[in-house]
Amino acid sequence: MSTIRVKGNATATGTPDAVDVQLDVKARDKDYATAMKQLEARVTALKDAITRAGVERDAIRTSYFNVDAETDYADGQRTFLGYAGTHRLETRVDFDRPLLNAILSAAAESGAEPGARLTFVVRDESGLRDEALRQAVASATRTAELLANAAGTTLGALRDIAYGDFPREPGGLSASLDQVPQIDYCYSLEIAEEITPSEIEVKQAVEISWDSSL
C-alpha cells in the first residue's frame, strides 16, 4: 500500500483588542545609593500617575530591573561615569484610545521621563491558533484528495499527523519620551487617537500522511 504525505499551511487573523504598555524608567548618578533613590522616586511617581489615569495599581508589574556601572574608555584610560539603573513597568489594558491617551499623557507628566512601547495583542490568541490549525488541516486534506484523484487512487486511512506553529512578532509602536519638553510631548501623545494597529496573524503548519490504494 502506498502513502500520500502532504503539508498544509494557514494563517488566521484577528483585530487587536488589548495593548501591552511598556514603560522604561532610568536614573543615573555617580553615587549608587543616590541613583537607586532617584530611580525609586521616578518609578513611584510613574505608578501614581498611570494609576490616576485608570490603571489598577496591582496590574502594573515589573518585567525588568538592571543596574550597570558606566565607564568610558579613551586614550588608554577607563573613566568611571556613574551608575545607571533601569526599571521596566508593564501593564495590559483594553485597546481604548481615550484610555491609552490618558496613560501616555500621565506618563509624560509624571516627571519620570519614561521610554514607552506599545504592543497590540489579541486576548484570545488561542482561538486564532485553533482556527489556523483547522484551516491548515483542511488545506492539507484538500490537496491530498486532489493528488489522489489525479493519480487515479483513493485516500485511505490517516496514518499520522504532525503540526507546529510559526513564531509571531507582535506589532508594536515605540516612542521615546526622554529629553522632550513636557508640554510638547503631552500634546503629541494625542496621536493615540490616530493609531490603527495592523491585524494580528497566527500561522500554523501541519504534515499529514494517508494510506492510498489503486
N, C-alpha and C. Protein backbone atom coordinates (compact mmCIF):
# COMPACT_ATOMS: atom_id res chain seq x y z
N MET A 1 0.85 -1.20 0.00
CA MET A 1 0.00 0.00 0.00
C MET A 1 0.88 1.24 0.00
N SER A 2 0.58 2.20 -0.83
CA SER A 2 1.37 3.43 -0.92
C SER A 2 0.85 4.48 0.05
N THR A 3 1.60 5.57 0.15
CA THR A 3 1.27 6.64 1.11
C THR A 3 1.27 7.98 0.40
N ILE A 4 0.33 8.82 0.78
CA ILE A 4 0.31 10.21 0.33
C ILE A 4 0.62 11.09 1.54
N ARG A 5 1.66 11.91 1.41
CA ARG A 5 2.04 12.81 2.51
C ARG A 5 1.97 14.25 2.00
N VAL A 6 1.26 15.09 2.74
CA VAL A 6 1.01 16.46 2.30
C VAL A 6 1.21 17.44 3.46
N LYS A 7 1.73 18.60 3.13
CA LYS A 7 1.85 19.69 4.11
C LYS A 7 0.74 20.70 3.88
N GLY A 8 0.24 21.25 4.97
CA GLY A 8 -0.77 22.29 4.88
C GLY A 8 -0.37 23.48 5.73
N ASN A 9 -0.56 24.68 5.22
CA ASN A 9 -0.24 25.91 5.95
C ASN A 9 -1.45 26.83 5.96
N ALA A 10 -1.61 27.57 7.03
CA ALA A 10 -2.73 28.50 7.11
C ALA A 10 -2.39 29.64 8.06
N THR A 11 -3.06 30.75 7.84
CA THR A 11 -2.90 31.94 8.68
C THR A 11 -4.27 32.44 9.11
N ALA A 12 -4.44 32.63 10.40
CA ALA A 12 -5.67 33.22 10.93
C ALA A 12 -5.36 34.63 11.43
N THR A 13 -6.27 35.55 11.20
CA THR A 13 -6.04 36.94 11.61
C THR A 13 -7.12 37.40 12.57
N GLY A 14 -6.74 38.34 13.41
CA GLY A 14 -7.69 38.90 14.37
C GLY A 14 -7.36 40.36 14.63
N THR A 15 -8.37 41.13 15.00
CA THR A 15 -8.19 42.55 15.31
C THR A 15 -7.74 42.71 16.75
N PRO A 16 -6.66 43.43 17.00
CA PRO A 16 -6.18 43.62 18.38
C PRO A 16 -7.28 44.22 19.26
N ASP A 17 -7.41 43.67 20.46
CA ASP A 17 -8.39 44.20 21.40
C ASP A 17 -7.75 44.60 22.73
N ALA A 18 -6.41 44.52 22.80
CA ALA A 18 -5.70 44.90 24.02
C ALA A 18 -4.33 45.44 23.65
N VAL A 19 -3.73 46.15 24.59
CA VAL A 19 -2.41 46.75 24.38
C VAL A 19 -1.53 46.45 25.59
N ASP A 20 -0.33 45.95 25.32
CA ASP A 20 0.68 45.82 26.36
C ASP A 20 1.49 47.11 26.38
N VAL A 21 1.40 47.84 27.48
CA VAL A 21 2.11 49.11 27.63
C VAL A 21 3.38 48.86 28.44
N GLN A 22 4.51 49.21 27.85
CA GLN A 22 5.80 49.00 28.49
C GLN A 22 6.45 50.37 28.69
N LEU A 23 6.86 50.66 29.92
CA LEU A 23 7.45 51.95 30.26
C LEU A 23 8.79 51.73 30.95
N ASP A 24 9.85 52.29 30.39
CA ASP A 24 11.20 52.15 30.93
C ASP A 24 11.59 53.43 31.67
N VAL A 25 11.91 53.27 32.94
CA VAL A 25 12.34 54.40 33.77
C VAL A 25 13.84 54.25 34.02
N LYS A 26 14.58 55.35 33.87
CA LYS A 26 16.02 55.31 34.05
C LYS A 26 16.48 56.39 35.03
N ALA A 27 17.60 56.13 35.67
CA ALA A 27 18.23 57.11 36.57
C ALA A 27 19.73 56.88 36.54
N ARG A 28 20.49 57.98 36.65
CA ARG A 28 21.96 57.90 36.64
C ARG A 28 22.54 58.82 37.70
N ASP A 29 23.59 58.35 38.35
CA ASP A 29 24.32 59.17 39.31
C ASP A 29 25.64 58.47 39.63
N LYS A 30 26.64 59.26 40.04
CA LYS A 30 27.93 58.66 40.38
C LYS A 30 27.87 57.91 41.71
N ASP A 31 26.88 58.27 42.52
CA ASP A 31 26.70 57.57 43.79
C ASP A 31 25.62 56.52 43.64
N TYR A 32 25.92 55.28 44.02
CA TYR A 32 24.98 54.17 43.81
C TYR A 32 23.66 54.40 44.55
N ALA A 33 23.75 54.76 45.83
CA ALA A 33 22.54 54.95 46.64
C ALA A 33 21.67 56.06 46.07
N THR A 34 22.32 57.14 45.61
CA THR A 34 21.55 58.25 45.03
C THR A 34 20.85 57.83 43.74
N ALA A 35 21.54 57.07 42.91
CA ALA A 35 20.92 56.59 41.67
C ALA A 35 19.71 55.73 41.98
N MET A 36 19.83 54.86 42.98
CA MET A 36 18.71 53.99 43.34
C MET A 36 17.54 54.78 43.91
N LYS A 37 17.83 55.80 44.71
CA LYS A 37 16.76 56.62 45.27
C LYS A 37 16.03 57.39 44.16
N GLN A 38 16.81 57.91 43.22
CA GLN A 38 16.20 58.62 42.09
C GLN A 38 15.31 57.68 41.28
N LEU A 39 15.81 56.48 41.04
CA LEU A 39 15.04 55.51 40.27
C LEU A 39 13.75 55.14 41.00
N GLU A 40 13.85 54.89 42.29
CA GLU A 40 12.66 54.53 43.08
C GLU A 40 11.64 55.66 43.06
N ALA A 41 12.12 56.91 43.19
CA ALA A 41 11.20 58.05 43.20
C ALA A 41 10.49 58.19 41.86
N ARG A 42 11.21 57.99 40.77
CA ARG A 42 10.61 58.12 39.45
C ARG A 42 9.60 57.01 39.18
N VAL A 43 9.93 55.79 39.61
CA VAL A 43 9.02 54.67 39.42
C VAL A 43 7.73 54.90 40.22
N THR A 44 7.88 55.35 41.46
CA THR A 44 6.70 55.63 42.30
C THR A 44 5.84 56.70 41.67
N ALA A 45 6.47 57.77 41.16
CA ALA A 45 5.73 58.86 40.53
C ALA A 45 4.99 58.36 39.29
N LEU A 46 5.65 57.49 38.52
CA LEU A 46 5.03 56.96 37.32
C LEU A 46 3.85 56.06 37.66
N LYS A 47 4.02 55.19 38.65
CA LYS A 47 2.92 54.32 39.07
C LYS A 47 1.73 55.14 39.54
N ASP A 48 2.00 56.17 40.33
CA ASP A 48 0.92 57.02 40.82
C ASP A 48 0.17 57.67 39.66
N ALA A 49 0.94 58.14 38.66
CA ALA A 49 0.34 58.86 37.53
C ALA A 49 -0.55 57.95 36.69
N ILE A 50 -0.05 56.76 36.33
CA ILE A 50 -0.87 55.91 35.46
C ILE A 50 -2.01 55.24 36.23
N THR A 51 -1.86 55.16 37.56
CA THR A 51 -3.00 54.69 38.37
C THR A 51 -4.13 55.71 38.32
N ARG A 52 -3.76 56.99 38.43
CA ARG A 52 -4.77 58.05 38.33
C ARG A 52 -5.40 58.08 36.94
N ALA A 53 -4.67 57.61 35.94
CA ALA A 53 -5.20 57.61 34.58
C ALA A 53 -6.20 56.48 34.34
N GLY A 54 -6.30 55.54 35.29
CA GLY A 54 -7.30 54.49 35.15
C GLY A 54 -6.78 53.07 35.16
N VAL A 55 -5.49 52.86 35.45
CA VAL A 55 -4.92 51.52 35.51
C VAL A 55 -4.87 51.05 36.96
N GLU A 56 -5.35 49.83 37.20
CA GLU A 56 -5.28 49.27 38.54
C GLU A 56 -3.82 49.11 38.95
N ARG A 57 -3.49 49.56 40.15
CA ARG A 57 -2.09 49.51 40.58
C ARG A 57 -1.56 48.08 40.62
N ASP A 58 -2.41 47.13 41.00
CA ASP A 58 -1.97 45.73 41.04
C ASP A 58 -1.68 45.17 39.66
N ALA A 59 -2.17 45.85 38.62
CA ALA A 59 -1.95 45.38 37.25
C ALA A 59 -0.65 45.93 36.66
N ILE A 60 0.05 46.75 37.42
CA ILE A 60 1.33 47.31 36.96
C ILE A 60 2.45 46.44 37.51
N ARG A 61 3.18 45.80 36.62
CA ARG A 61 4.19 44.82 37.02
C ARG A 61 5.59 45.25 36.58
N THR A 62 6.58 44.79 37.33
CA THR A 62 7.98 44.96 36.93
C THR A 62 8.39 43.78 36.07
N SER A 63 8.88 44.06 34.85
CA SER A 63 9.32 42.98 33.97
C SER A 63 10.83 42.97 33.78
N TYR A 64 11.50 44.04 34.23
CA TYR A 64 12.95 44.10 34.05
C TYR A 64 13.52 45.12 35.02
N PHE A 65 14.66 44.76 35.63
CA PHE A 65 15.37 45.68 36.53
C PHE A 65 16.86 45.43 36.36
N ASN A 66 17.61 46.53 36.18
CA ASN A 66 19.04 46.37 35.95
C ASN A 66 19.79 47.60 36.43
N VAL A 67 20.98 47.38 36.98
CA VAL A 67 21.88 48.46 37.37
C VAL A 67 23.25 48.15 36.80
N ASP A 68 23.81 49.11 36.08
CA ASP A 68 25.14 48.94 35.49
C ASP A 68 26.06 50.07 35.93
N ALA A 69 27.33 49.74 36.07
CA ALA A 69 28.36 50.76 36.27
C ALA A 69 28.81 51.21 34.89
N GLU A 70 28.64 52.50 34.58
CA GLU A 70 29.00 53.02 33.27
C GLU A 70 30.43 53.56 33.29
N THR A 71 31.17 53.24 32.23
CA THR A 71 32.54 53.73 32.11
C THR A 71 32.78 54.22 30.69
N ASP A 72 33.82 55.00 30.55
CA ASP A 72 34.23 55.49 29.24
C ASP A 72 35.72 55.19 29.07
N TYR A 73 36.08 54.70 27.91
CA TYR A 73 37.48 54.36 27.66
C TYR A 73 38.03 55.28 26.59
N ALA A 74 39.08 56.03 26.92
CA ALA A 74 39.69 56.96 25.98
C ALA A 74 41.16 57.15 26.33
N ASP A 75 41.99 57.23 25.32
CA ASP A 75 43.42 57.46 25.50
C ASP A 75 44.06 56.45 26.44
N GLY A 76 43.60 55.21 26.35
CA GLY A 76 44.19 54.16 27.15
C GLY A 76 43.76 54.15 28.60
N GLN A 77 42.79 54.97 28.94
CA GLN A 77 42.33 55.02 30.33
C GLN A 77 40.83 54.82 30.41
N ARG A 78 40.40 54.13 31.44
CA ARG A 78 38.98 53.91 31.68
C ARG A 78 38.50 54.84 32.79
N THR A 79 37.45 55.58 32.48
CA THR A 79 36.92 56.55 33.44
C THR A 79 35.54 56.12 33.91
N PHE A 80 35.34 56.10 35.20
CA PHE A 80 34.04 55.75 35.78
C PHE A 80 33.09 56.93 35.63
N LEU A 81 31.92 56.69 35.03
CA LEU A 81 30.94 57.74 34.79
C LEU A 81 29.83 57.76 35.81
N GLY A 82 29.52 56.60 36.36
CA GLY A 82 28.44 56.54 37.35
C GLY A 82 27.64 55.26 37.21
N TYR A 83 26.54 55.21 37.94
CA TYR A 83 25.66 54.05 37.92
C TYR A 83 24.38 54.39 37.16
N ALA A 84 23.96 53.48 36.31
CA ALA A 84 22.74 53.66 35.53
C ALA A 84 21.76 52.54 35.85
N GLY A 85 20.59 52.92 36.31
CA GLY A 85 19.57 51.92 36.65
C GLY A 85 18.38 52.01 35.71
N THR A 86 17.80 50.86 35.38
CA THR A 86 16.60 50.79 34.54
C THR A 86 15.55 49.94 35.23
N HIS A 87 14.35 50.45 35.31
CA HIS A 87 13.22 49.72 35.90
C HIS A 87 12.08 49.75 34.88
N ARG A 88 11.71 48.56 34.38
CA ARG A 88 10.68 48.48 33.35
C ARG A 88 9.35 48.05 33.96
N LEU A 89 8.33 48.86 33.71
CA LEU A 89 6.97 48.55 34.15
C LEU A 89 6.14 48.13 32.95
N GLU A 90 5.24 47.18 33.16
CA GLU A 90 4.36 46.72 32.09
C GLU A 90 2.94 46.56 32.63
N THR A 91 1.99 46.81 31.77
CA THR A 91 0.60 46.56 32.09
C THR A 91 -0.16 46.30 30.81
N ARG A 92 -1.22 45.52 30.90
CA ARG A 92 -2.08 45.25 29.74
C ARG A 92 -3.43 45.90 29.96
N VAL A 93 -3.86 46.67 28.96
CA VAL A 93 -5.15 47.35 29.05
C VAL A 93 -5.94 47.09 27.77
N ASP A 94 -7.24 47.32 27.84
CA ASP A 94 -8.07 47.22 26.63
C ASP A 94 -7.60 48.26 25.61
N PHE A 95 -7.74 47.92 24.32
CA PHE A 95 -7.39 48.89 23.29
C PHE A 95 -8.50 49.93 23.20
N ASP A 96 -8.36 50.94 24.02
CA ASP A 96 -9.32 52.03 24.11
C ASP A 96 -8.51 53.32 23.95
N ARG A 97 -8.73 54.04 22.86
CA ARG A 97 -7.88 55.19 22.55
C ARG A 97 -7.89 56.27 23.62
N PRO A 98 -9.04 56.65 24.17
CA PRO A 98 -9.01 57.65 25.24
C PRO A 98 -8.21 57.17 26.47
N LEU A 99 -8.36 55.89 26.82
CA LEU A 99 -7.59 55.36 27.95
C LEU A 99 -6.11 55.38 27.63
N LEU A 100 -5.75 55.00 26.41
CA LEU A 100 -4.35 54.97 26.01
C LEU A 100 -3.76 56.37 26.03
N ASN A 101 -4.50 57.34 25.55
CA ASN A 101 -4.04 58.72 25.61
C ASN A 101 -3.85 59.17 27.06
N ALA A 102 -4.78 58.79 27.92
CA ALA A 102 -4.69 59.18 29.33
C ALA A 102 -3.44 58.59 29.98
N ILE A 103 -3.16 57.32 29.67
CA ILE A 103 -1.99 56.66 30.26
C ILE A 103 -0.69 57.31 29.78
N LEU A 104 -0.59 57.52 28.47
CA LEU A 104 0.64 58.09 27.93
C LEU A 104 0.84 59.54 28.37
N SER A 105 -0.23 60.30 28.43
CA SER A 105 -0.13 61.68 28.89
C SER A 105 0.26 61.73 30.36
N ALA A 106 -0.32 60.82 31.15
CA ALA A 106 0.03 60.76 32.57
C ALA A 106 1.50 60.39 32.75
N ALA A 107 1.97 59.45 31.93
CA ALA A 107 3.38 59.07 32.00
C ALA A 107 4.28 60.25 31.65
N ALA A 108 3.87 61.01 30.64
CA ALA A 108 4.67 62.16 30.23
C ALA A 108 4.70 63.24 31.30
N GLU A 109 3.60 63.43 32.01
CA GLU A 109 3.52 64.48 33.02
C GLU A 109 4.06 64.05 34.38
N SER A 110 4.41 62.78 34.52
CA SER A 110 4.82 62.26 35.82
C SER A 110 6.18 62.75 36.28
N GLY A 111 7.00 63.23 35.33
CA GLY A 111 8.35 63.63 35.68
C GLY A 111 9.35 62.49 35.61
N ALA A 112 8.86 61.28 35.36
CA ALA A 112 9.75 60.11 35.31
C ALA A 112 10.47 59.99 33.98
N GLU A 113 9.99 60.70 32.96
CA GLU A 113 10.56 60.70 31.62
C GLU A 113 10.82 59.27 31.11
N PRO A 114 9.77 58.42 31.09
CA PRO A 114 9.98 57.04 30.65
C PRO A 114 10.04 56.90 29.14
N GLY A 115 10.71 55.85 28.68
CA GLY A 115 10.57 55.43 27.31
C GLY A 115 9.31 54.57 27.24
N ALA A 116 8.64 54.56 26.10
CA ALA A 116 7.36 53.84 26.01
C ALA A 116 7.32 52.95 24.79
N ARG A 117 6.71 51.78 24.95
CA ARG A 117 6.48 50.87 23.83
C ARG A 117 5.09 50.27 23.98
N LEU A 118 4.35 50.28 22.88
CA LEU A 118 3.01 49.69 22.86
C LEU A 118 3.04 48.46 21.97
N THR A 119 2.51 47.36 22.47
CA THR A 119 2.41 46.13 21.69
C THR A 119 0.95 45.71 21.65
N PHE A 120 0.41 45.60 20.44
CA PHE A 120 -1.00 45.29 20.27
C PHE A 120 -1.20 43.79 20.21
N VAL A 121 -2.19 43.30 20.95
CA VAL A 121 -2.40 41.86 21.07
C VAL A 121 -3.88 41.52 20.97
N VAL A 122 -4.13 40.23 20.75
CA VAL A 122 -5.48 39.67 20.83
C VAL A 122 -5.53 38.85 22.11
N ARG A 123 -6.47 39.15 22.97
CA ARG A 123 -6.53 38.45 24.25
C ARG A 123 -6.74 36.95 24.08
N ASP A 124 -7.61 36.57 23.14
CA ASP A 124 -7.87 35.15 22.91
C ASP A 124 -7.04 34.66 21.73
N GLU A 125 -5.73 34.67 21.87
CA GLU A 125 -4.88 34.22 20.78
C GLU A 125 -5.00 32.71 20.56
N SER A 126 -5.38 31.98 21.60
CA SER A 126 -5.56 30.54 21.43
C SER A 126 -6.67 30.24 20.44
N GLY A 127 -7.69 31.11 20.40
CA GLY A 127 -8.77 30.93 19.42
C GLY A 127 -8.25 31.10 18.00
N LEU A 128 -7.36 32.09 17.81
CA LEU A 128 -6.76 32.27 16.48
C LEU A 128 -5.91 31.06 16.12
N ARG A 129 -5.16 30.54 17.08
CA ARG A 129 -4.30 29.39 16.81
C ARG A 129 -5.13 28.18 16.41
N ASP A 130 -6.25 27.97 17.11
CA ASP A 130 -7.13 26.85 16.78
C ASP A 130 -7.70 26.99 15.37
N GLU A 131 -8.10 28.21 15.01
CA GLU A 131 -8.67 28.44 13.68
C GLU A 131 -7.62 28.21 12.60
N ALA A 132 -6.39 28.67 12.82
CA ALA A 132 -5.32 28.45 11.84
C ALA A 132 -5.03 26.96 11.69
N LEU A 133 -5.11 26.24 12.79
CA LEU A 133 -4.85 24.80 12.74
C LEU A 133 -5.93 24.08 11.94
N ARG A 134 -7.19 24.45 12.17
CA ARG A 134 -8.29 23.85 11.40
C ARG A 134 -8.12 24.13 9.91
N GLN A 135 -7.75 25.37 9.58
CA GLN A 135 -7.57 25.72 8.17
C GLN A 135 -6.39 24.97 7.55
N ALA A 136 -5.32 24.77 8.31
CA ALA A 136 -4.15 24.05 7.80
C ALA A 136 -4.49 22.60 7.50
N VAL A 137 -5.25 21.98 8.40
CA VAL A 137 -5.67 20.59 8.19
C VAL A 137 -6.58 20.49 6.97
N ALA A 138 -7.51 21.43 6.85
CA ALA A 138 -8.42 21.43 5.70
C ALA A 138 -7.65 21.61 4.40
N SER A 139 -6.64 22.47 4.42
CA SER A 139 -5.84 22.70 3.22
C SER A 139 -5.07 21.44 2.82
N ALA A 140 -4.47 20.79 3.81
CA ALA A 140 -3.72 19.56 3.51
C ALA A 140 -4.65 18.47 2.99
N THR A 141 -5.84 18.37 3.56
CA THR A 141 -6.79 17.34 3.14
C THR A 141 -7.26 17.58 1.70
N ARG A 142 -7.56 18.84 1.38
CA ARG A 142 -7.98 19.15 0.00
C ARG A 142 -6.89 18.80 -1.00
N THR A 143 -5.64 19.14 -0.65
CA THR A 143 -4.52 18.83 -1.56
C THR A 143 -4.34 17.33 -1.72
N ALA A 144 -4.46 16.60 -0.62
CA ALA A 144 -4.30 15.14 -0.69
C ALA A 144 -5.39 14.51 -1.54
N GLU A 145 -6.61 14.98 -1.38
CA GLU A 145 -7.71 14.45 -2.19
C GLU A 145 -7.50 14.74 -3.67
N LEU A 146 -6.99 15.95 -3.97
CA LEU A 146 -6.73 16.32 -5.35
C LEU A 146 -5.63 15.43 -5.95
N LEU A 147 -4.58 15.19 -5.18
CA LEU A 147 -3.49 14.34 -5.65
C LEU A 147 -3.95 12.91 -5.88
N ALA A 148 -4.75 12.40 -4.95
CA ALA A 148 -5.25 11.03 -5.08
C ALA A 148 -6.12 10.89 -6.31
N ASN A 149 -6.99 11.87 -6.53
CA ASN A 149 -7.87 11.83 -7.70
C ASN A 149 -7.07 11.90 -9.00
N ALA A 150 -6.07 12.78 -9.03
CA ALA A 150 -5.25 12.93 -10.23
C ALA A 150 -4.43 11.67 -10.52
N ALA A 151 -4.07 10.96 -9.46
CA ALA A 151 -3.25 9.76 -9.63
C ALA A 151 -4.11 8.51 -9.83
N GLY A 152 -5.41 8.66 -9.83
CA GLY A 152 -6.30 7.53 -10.04
C GLY A 152 -6.37 6.59 -8.85
N THR A 153 -6.18 7.15 -7.66
CA THR A 153 -6.25 6.33 -6.45
C THR A 153 -7.23 6.96 -5.48
N THR A 154 -7.42 6.34 -4.35
CA THR A 154 -8.32 6.89 -3.34
C THR A 154 -7.56 7.11 -2.04
N LEU A 155 -8.05 8.09 -1.29
CA LEU A 155 -7.44 8.42 0.00
C LEU A 155 -7.93 7.44 1.05
N GLY A 156 -6.99 6.80 1.73
CA GLY A 156 -7.37 5.81 2.73
C GLY A 156 -7.32 6.36 4.14
N ALA A 157 -6.96 5.49 5.07
CA ALA A 157 -6.96 5.86 6.49
C ALA A 157 -5.80 6.82 6.79
N LEU A 158 -6.03 7.66 7.78
CA LEU A 158 -4.99 8.58 8.24
C LEU A 158 -3.87 7.79 8.92
N ARG A 159 -2.64 8.04 8.49
CA ARG A 159 -1.51 7.36 9.09
C ARG A 159 -0.93 8.14 10.27
N ASP A 160 -0.55 9.37 10.02
CA ASP A 160 -0.01 10.20 11.10
C ASP A 160 -0.17 11.68 10.75
N ILE A 161 -0.03 12.50 11.77
CA ILE A 161 -0.15 13.95 11.59
C ILE A 161 0.82 14.63 12.54
N ALA A 162 1.52 15.62 12.01
CA ALA A 162 2.44 16.42 12.83
C ALA A 162 2.10 17.88 12.59
N TYR A 163 2.29 18.70 13.61
CA TYR A 163 1.95 20.12 13.45
C TYR A 163 2.89 20.97 14.29
N GLY A 164 2.87 22.25 13.98
CA GLY A 164 3.65 23.23 14.74
C GLY A 164 3.19 24.61 14.35
N ASP A 165 3.63 25.61 15.13
CA ASP A 165 3.26 26.98 14.79
C ASP A 165 4.51 27.77 14.47
N PHE A 166 4.29 28.92 13.85
CA PHE A 166 5.39 29.80 13.49
C PHE A 166 5.48 30.89 14.54
N PRO A 167 6.70 31.32 14.91
CA PRO A 167 6.80 32.42 15.87
C PRO A 167 6.20 33.68 15.29
N ARG A 168 5.50 34.43 16.12
CA ARG A 168 4.88 35.66 15.66
C ARG A 168 5.54 36.85 16.32
N GLU A 169 5.86 37.85 15.51
CA GLU A 169 6.42 39.09 16.04
C GLU A 169 5.26 40.04 16.27
N PRO A 170 4.94 40.35 17.55
CA PRO A 170 3.80 41.21 17.81
C PRO A 170 4.00 42.62 17.26
N GLY A 171 2.92 43.23 16.80
CA GLY A 171 3.02 44.59 16.30
C GLY A 171 3.25 45.55 17.45
N GLY A 172 4.16 46.50 17.27
CA GLY A 172 4.46 47.42 18.36
C GLY A 172 4.70 48.82 17.85
N LEU A 173 4.60 49.77 18.75
CA LEU A 173 4.90 51.16 18.46
C LEU A 173 5.77 51.67 19.58
N SER A 174 6.95 52.17 19.26
CA SER A 174 7.87 52.68 20.26
C SER A 174 7.88 54.20 20.23
N ALA A 175 7.98 54.79 21.40
CA ALA A 175 8.10 56.24 21.48
C ALA A 175 9.00 56.59 22.65
N SER A 176 10.02 57.36 22.38
CA SER A 176 10.91 57.80 23.45
C SER A 176 10.40 59.11 24.01
N LEU A 177 10.22 59.15 25.32
CA LEU A 177 9.72 60.37 25.96
C LEU A 177 10.84 61.14 26.63
N ASP A 178 12.08 60.67 26.49
CA ASP A 178 13.21 61.29 27.17
C ASP A 178 13.57 62.64 26.55
N GLN A 179 13.96 63.57 27.39
CA GLN A 179 14.56 64.83 26.97
C GLN A 179 13.69 65.59 25.97
N VAL A 180 12.39 65.56 26.20
CA VAL A 180 11.46 66.33 25.37
C VAL A 180 10.62 67.19 26.30
N PRO A 181 10.44 68.47 26.00
CA PRO A 181 9.64 69.33 26.88
C PRO A 181 8.25 68.74 27.12
N GLN A 182 7.79 68.77 28.34
CA GLN A 182 6.53 68.12 28.69
C GLN A 182 5.35 68.63 27.88
N ILE A 183 5.25 69.92 27.71
CA ILE A 183 4.09 70.46 27.02
C ILE A 183 4.03 69.97 25.58
N ASP A 184 5.20 69.76 24.96
CA ASP A 184 5.23 69.29 23.58
C ASP A 184 4.80 67.83 23.48
N TYR A 185 5.41 66.98 24.31
CA TYR A 185 5.06 65.58 24.11
C TYR A 185 3.73 65.20 24.73
N CYS A 186 3.24 65.96 25.68
CA CYS A 186 1.87 65.71 26.15
C CYS A 186 0.89 65.93 24.99
N TYR A 187 1.13 66.99 24.24
CA TYR A 187 0.26 67.27 23.09
C TYR A 187 0.42 66.20 22.02
N SER A 188 1.66 65.81 21.75
CA SER A 188 1.91 64.87 20.67
C SER A 188 1.32 63.50 20.95
N LEU A 189 1.13 63.16 22.22
CA LEU A 189 0.61 61.84 22.54
C LEU A 189 -0.85 61.68 22.19
N GLU A 190 -1.52 62.74 21.76
CA GLU A 190 -2.87 62.62 21.24
C GLU A 190 -2.88 61.79 19.96
N ILE A 191 -1.69 61.44 19.47
CA ILE A 191 -1.60 60.59 18.27
C ILE A 191 -2.27 59.25 18.49
N ALA A 192 -2.47 58.85 19.76
CA ALA A 192 -3.15 57.59 20.04
C ALA A 192 -4.53 57.55 19.39
N GLU A 193 -5.12 58.74 19.19
CA GLU A 193 -6.42 58.79 18.53
C GLU A 193 -6.32 58.34 17.08
N GLU A 194 -5.12 58.42 16.51
CA GLU A 194 -4.94 58.07 15.10
C GLU A 194 -4.35 56.68 14.90
N ILE A 195 -4.07 55.96 16.00
CA ILE A 195 -3.45 54.65 15.88
C ILE A 195 -4.46 53.63 15.34
N THR A 196 -4.08 52.95 14.29
CA THR A 196 -4.86 51.83 13.77
C THR A 196 -3.91 50.65 13.62
N PRO A 197 -3.83 49.79 14.62
CA PRO A 197 -2.87 48.68 14.56
C PRO A 197 -3.21 47.68 13.47
N SER A 198 -2.18 47.04 12.97
CA SER A 198 -2.39 46.01 11.95
C SER A 198 -3.01 44.77 12.58
N GLU A 199 -3.58 43.92 11.74
CA GLU A 199 -4.18 42.68 12.21
C GLU A 199 -3.10 41.77 12.80
N ILE A 200 -3.48 41.02 13.82
CA ILE A 200 -2.58 40.03 14.41
C ILE A 200 -2.68 38.75 13.59
N GLU A 201 -1.55 38.19 13.20
CA GLU A 201 -1.53 36.96 12.41
C GLU A 201 -0.95 35.81 13.23
N VAL A 202 -1.61 34.66 13.15
CA VAL A 202 -1.10 33.43 13.75
C VAL A 202 -1.05 32.37 12.67
N LYS A 203 0.13 31.80 12.47
CA LYS A 203 0.32 30.80 11.41
C LYS A 203 0.48 29.41 12.01
N GLN A 204 -0.04 28.42 11.29
CA GLN A 204 0.10 27.03 11.70
C GLN A 204 0.47 26.19 10.48
N ALA A 205 1.19 25.13 10.73
CA ALA A 205 1.58 24.20 9.67
C ALA A 205 1.34 22.77 10.13
N VAL A 206 0.87 21.93 9.22
CA VAL A 206 0.66 20.52 9.53
C VAL A 206 1.28 19.68 8.42
N GLU A 207 1.61 18.46 8.76
CA GLU A 207 2.06 17.48 7.78
C GLU A 207 1.30 16.19 8.06
N ILE A 208 0.52 15.75 7.07
CA ILE A 208 -0.38 14.60 7.27
C ILE A 208 -0.10 13.55 6.20
N SER A 209 -0.15 12.31 6.62
CA SER A 209 0.00 11.21 5.64
C SER A 209 -1.19 10.28 5.73
N TRP A 210 -1.62 9.80 4.55
CA TRP A 210 -2.73 8.86 4.43
C TRP A 210 -2.29 7.62 3.64
N ASP A 211 -2.94 6.52 3.92
CA ASP A 211 -2.79 5.36 3.05
C ASP A 211 -3.52 5.66 1.74
N SER A 212 -3.06 5.09 0.67
CA SER A 212 -3.78 5.21 -0.59
C SER A 212 -3.76 3.87 -1.30
N SER A 213 -4.77 3.61 -2.09
CA SER A 213 -4.84 2.33 -2.81
C SER A 213 -5.37 2.56 -4.22
N LEU A 214 -4.87 1.80 -5.16
CA LEU A 214 -5.32 1.89 -6.55
C LEU A 214 -6.65 1.18 -6.72
